[in-house]
Amino acid sequence: MEKRLIINCDDFGQSAAMNKAIMHILEEGKASSATIMAPAPGFEEAADWSARRKQRNVGLHLTMTCEFEMLRWSSLTGHSSLHDENGYQYRTVKEFEQGAETKAVIKEIEAQFNLVKKAGINISHVDNHMGSLYGMETGRSLLPQTLWKTSRWGLPTRFFRYIYKEDPLLSSLSNVERPVALASALADTFGVPIPDYLLSHPFGSLEGETYDSFKQSILDKLYKLPDGVSETYFHPGVDDPWMLENIPHWQKRVWEYQLLFDDDFAYTMRDAKVILTDYRYVQEHLKRPRMRSALRLLKVLIKSG
């Protein structure tokens, strides 16, 4: 089988420093796509650029949290259950899962989609900032509602069908097989195409980590990439003094930007026979028959019941 990789740049629209990096990456074709944050302060700049260039590879990064103390924003709808005591979106996923009302979340999801469409962006796919809709902290998942909305929009989404055993995040979660089987079957039943695998790497800088050690860890992953369609994500940013001083792990963002232009990265993609692909491929090739998927969903529910 072929080994295909989607490289998505998360957090487009978060800040001017993030925008500058992602715009350059997309201009040079060094990544498959980016996903844009509708409530974030750099959204207008990112949206104007995307619409002007008629970018076909900008997706929607559903944003319910803002994690940095020095970079805060509020929801589009302004519902009180979506905010902390200071009127900003919650800093942590746990706070969001505990405090957000379901109806308010659904209205916020709709508002973010509508704002991105109104900006003139032909949305390529949907994903979620910090996994806030997946129930990863308290078990309160809003993934069914999100998948239903995504199906109405006719878009693919970031999820995964199989758990890659060597992934440091997903393989560390206990009893993850059942919720993944349920969610992937639900996506198929709703007619929402998803990749085969999701590959992660640590968001923050590891102790003693350097650019070279970080680069080598990513190159090693390319050689071990599973057959099928995988997505991995980066959070690239330019070398910006304010961001370096105020945003934790910003140096890692600079490394991720640097990596995508590194000749060693390009060589390894070729040498490992990895095909850079995008969500148009997922849309065209990975959609499952809905009736058969509904039966599979029923079997999973019965087995787990």
Foldseek 3Di string as FASTA:
>chain_A
DAFAEAEEAEAQQQDPQLVVLVVVCVVVVLGFAYEYEQFHNRRLVRLLVCQVVQDQGYAHAQELAAAFPVGWTAFPVQDPLSDDPVRTGHNDLVSNLVRHDLVVSLVSVVVSVVVSVVSRHPHAAYEYPPCSQCCPPPNRHNLLVVLLVRLVVLHAYEDAQDEDCPAPPPVPDPPVVLVSLLSVLSSLLSQHFYWHEEHEDDPADDVPDDLVNVLVVVLVCLLVRDPTYYYYYAHAGDDDVVCVVRPHRNVRNPSRSVSSVDPVNVVSCVVSSYHHHGRVCRSVPGRDHNVVSVVSSVVSVVVVD
